[in-house]
Protein backbone atom coordinates (compact mmCIF):
# COMPACT_ATOMS: atom_id res chain seq x y z
CA UNK A 1 -35.75 -253.83 100.11
CA UNK A 2 -34.63 -250.12 101.17
CA UNK A 3 -30.63 -249.76 101.69
CA UNK A 4 -29.11 -247.34 103.96
CA UNK A 5 -27.74 -245.59 100.70
CA UNK A 6 -31.38 -245.64 99.48
CA UNK A 7 -32.42 -244.07 102.70
CA UNK A 8 -29.82 -241.43 102.56
CA UNK A 9 -31.00 -240.28 99.18
CA UNK A 10 -34.51 -240.08 100.33
CA UNK A 11 -33.66 -238.06 103.21
CA UNK A 12 -31.58 -235.66 101.14
CA UNK A 13 -34.36 -234.90 98.97
CA UNK A 14 -36.65 -234.33 101.83
CA UNK A 15 -34.04 -232.10 103.36
CA UNK A 16 -33.72 -230.07 100.20
CA UNK A 17 -37.61 -229.57 99.92
CA UNK A 18 -37.51 -228.55 103.77
CA UNK A 19 -34.80 -226.00 103.08
CA UNK A 20 -36.67 -224.55 99.92
CA UNK A 21 -39.66 -223.92 102.29
CA UNK A 22 -37.65 -222.71 105.16
CA UNK A 23 -38.83 -225.39 107.77
CA UNK A 24 -36.27 -227.55 109.47
CA UNK A 25 -37.49 -231.12 109.91
CA UNK A 26 -37.00 -234.57 111.36
CA UNK A 27 -36.80 -237.17 108.57
CA UNK A 28 -37.26 -240.93 109.42
CA UNK A 29 -36.88 -243.98 107.00
CA UNK A 30 -38.08 -247.27 107.91
CA UNK A 31 -37.77 -250.88 106.29
CA UNK A 32 -40.54 -253.17 105.29
CA UNK A 33 -40.79 -254.41 109.07
CA UNK A 34 -41.35 -250.78 110.13
CA UNK A 35 -37.51 -250.56 111.54
CA UNK A 36 -35.63 -247.55 111.55
CA UNK A 37 -32.91 -247.44 108.83
CA UNK A 38 -31.94 -243.87 109.08
CA UNK A 39 -33.01 -240.65 110.82
CA UNK A 40 -32.03 -236.81 110.34
CA UNK A 41 -32.85 -233.93 112.75
CA UNK A 42 -31.95 -230.85 110.69
CA UNK A 43 -30.55 -228.01 112.67
CA UNK A 44 -33.24 -226.27 114.45
CA UNK A 45 -35.95 -228.80 113.99
CA UNK A 46 -38.09 -229.74 117.12
CA UNK A 47 -36.78 -232.42 119.34
CA UNK A 48 -40.26 -233.32 119.97
CA UNK A 49 -40.82 -234.39 116.41
CA UNK A 50 -38.01 -236.90 116.53
CA UNK A 51 -40.36 -239.62 117.80
CA UNK A 52 -43.18 -238.40 115.69
CA UNK A 53 -41.28 -238.72 112.41
CA UNK A 54 -40.20 -242.19 113.14
CA UNK A 55 -43.80 -242.97 114.38
CA UNK A 56 -45.18 -241.68 111.12
CA UNK A 57 -42.92 -243.78 109.20
CA UNK A 58 -43.99 -246.85 111.17
CA UNK A 59 -47.47 -246.29 110.87
CA UNK A 60 -47.20 -245.81 107.18
CA UNK A 61 -45.67 -249.14 106.77
CA UNK A 62 -47.76 -250.89 109.55
CA UNK A 63 -50.94 -250.05 107.56
CA UNK A 64 -49.57 -249.50 103.92
CA UNK A 65 -51.31 -246.15 103.77
CA UNK A 66 -49.99 -242.36 104.06
CA UNK A 67 -50.78 -241.01 107.50
CA UNK A 68 -52.57 -238.07 105.82
CA UNK A 69 -55.07 -240.65 104.27
CA UNK A 70 -55.25 -242.74 107.44
CA UNK A 71 -55.92 -239.53 109.47
CA UNK A 72 -59.16 -238.75 107.47
CA UNK A 73 -60.62 -242.16 108.47
CA UNK A 74 -59.65 -242.00 112.22
CA UNK A 75 -61.92 -239.01 113.02
CA UNK A 76 -65.27 -239.72 115.36
CA UNK A 77 -67.47 -242.03 113.40
CA UNK A 78 -64.93 -243.26 111.07
CA UNK A 79 -63.87 -246.82 110.67
CA UNK A 80 -60.61 -246.42 112.21
CA UNK A 81 -61.40 -244.23 115.21
CA UNK A 82 -59.41 -245.28 117.92
CA UNK A 83 -56.61 -246.60 116.16
CA UNK A 84 -54.03 -244.12 117.29
CA UNK A 85 -54.14 -245.93 120.79
CA UNK A 86 -53.12 -249.30 119.03
CA UNK A 87 -49.50 -250.53 118.94
CA UNK A 88 -48.38 -249.41 122.33
CA UNK A 89 -48.67 -245.73 121.19
CA UNK A 90 -46.66 -246.10 117.91
CA UNK A 91 -49.58 -244.76 115.70
CA UNK A 92 -49.39 -241.32 114.31
CA UNK A 93 -52.20 -239.83 112.14
CA UNK A 94 -50.91 -236.54 111.29
CA UNK A 95 -49.84 -235.85 107.57
CA UNK A 96 -46.20 -236.71 106.88
CA UNK A 97 -45.78 -240.41 106.64
CA UNK A 98 -45.87 -242.16 103.26
CA UNK A 99 -45.33 -245.77 102.24
CA UNK A 100 -42.53 -246.49 99.78
CA UNK A 101 -43.06 -248.76 97.14
CA UNK A 102 -40.99 -251.05 94.75
CA UNK A 103 -42.63 -252.75 91.99
CA UNK A 104 -46.08 -252.37 93.48
CA UNK A 105 -44.97 -253.47 96.88
CA UNK A 106 -44.48 -251.57 100.11
CA UNK A 107 -40.87 -252.03 101.00
CA UNK A 108 -40.62 -249.51 103.86
CA UNK A 109 -41.87 -246.00 104.63
CA UNK A 110 -40.86 -242.37 105.21
CA UNK A 111 -41.93 -240.05 107.96
CA UNK A 112 -41.54 -236.19 108.19
CA UNK A 113 -42.22 -234.01 111.21
CA UNK A 114 -41.54 -230.58 112.13
CA UNK A 115 -43.91 -228.18 110.48
CA UNK A 116 -47.54 -228.03 109.64
CA UNK A 117 -49.15 -230.89 108.10
CA UNK A 118 -49.15 -229.48 104.83
CA UNK A 119 -45.43 -228.63 105.06
CA UNK A 120 -44.61 -232.13 106.59
CA UNK A 121 -46.66 -233.95 103.77
CA UNK A 122 -44.70 -231.87 100.88
CA UNK A 123 -41.42 -232.61 102.26
CA UNK A 124 -42.32 -236.22 102.55
CA UNK A 125 -43.56 -236.53 99.12
CA UNK A 126 -40.35 -234.77 97.99
CA UNK A 127 -38.41 -237.60 99.78
CA UNK A 128 -40.73 -240.32 98.36
CA UNK A 129 -40.29 -239.04 94.77
CA UNK A 130 -36.56 -239.89 95.15
CA UNK A 131 -37.22 -243.54 95.87
């Protein structure tokens, strides 16, 4: 289980990385059911990335895979091509979503959006490392 306190620590670590790289981000944490626990929009982060960060977190939890890894399998000819239109449009296949594990079990996920794929991924990895 991820508590609100856990989510705040994860977000703080992700925010610190975003500050370090100079890119304001939207950062979302969801529980094991893919439901939002906490979200932060840093000053100056794109409003269009609010929804994307939440959906990246949902996607990572729904499929227990990072969105970066899922994206590589969703290209034309890939085994999951077209998955992005499932789940009423809630699936995001851009880097920046990471499942959160405790004792080997996925208990939630983190989603980050607001920069390039590499930036989103690095900020997500920093947040996930705090968990």
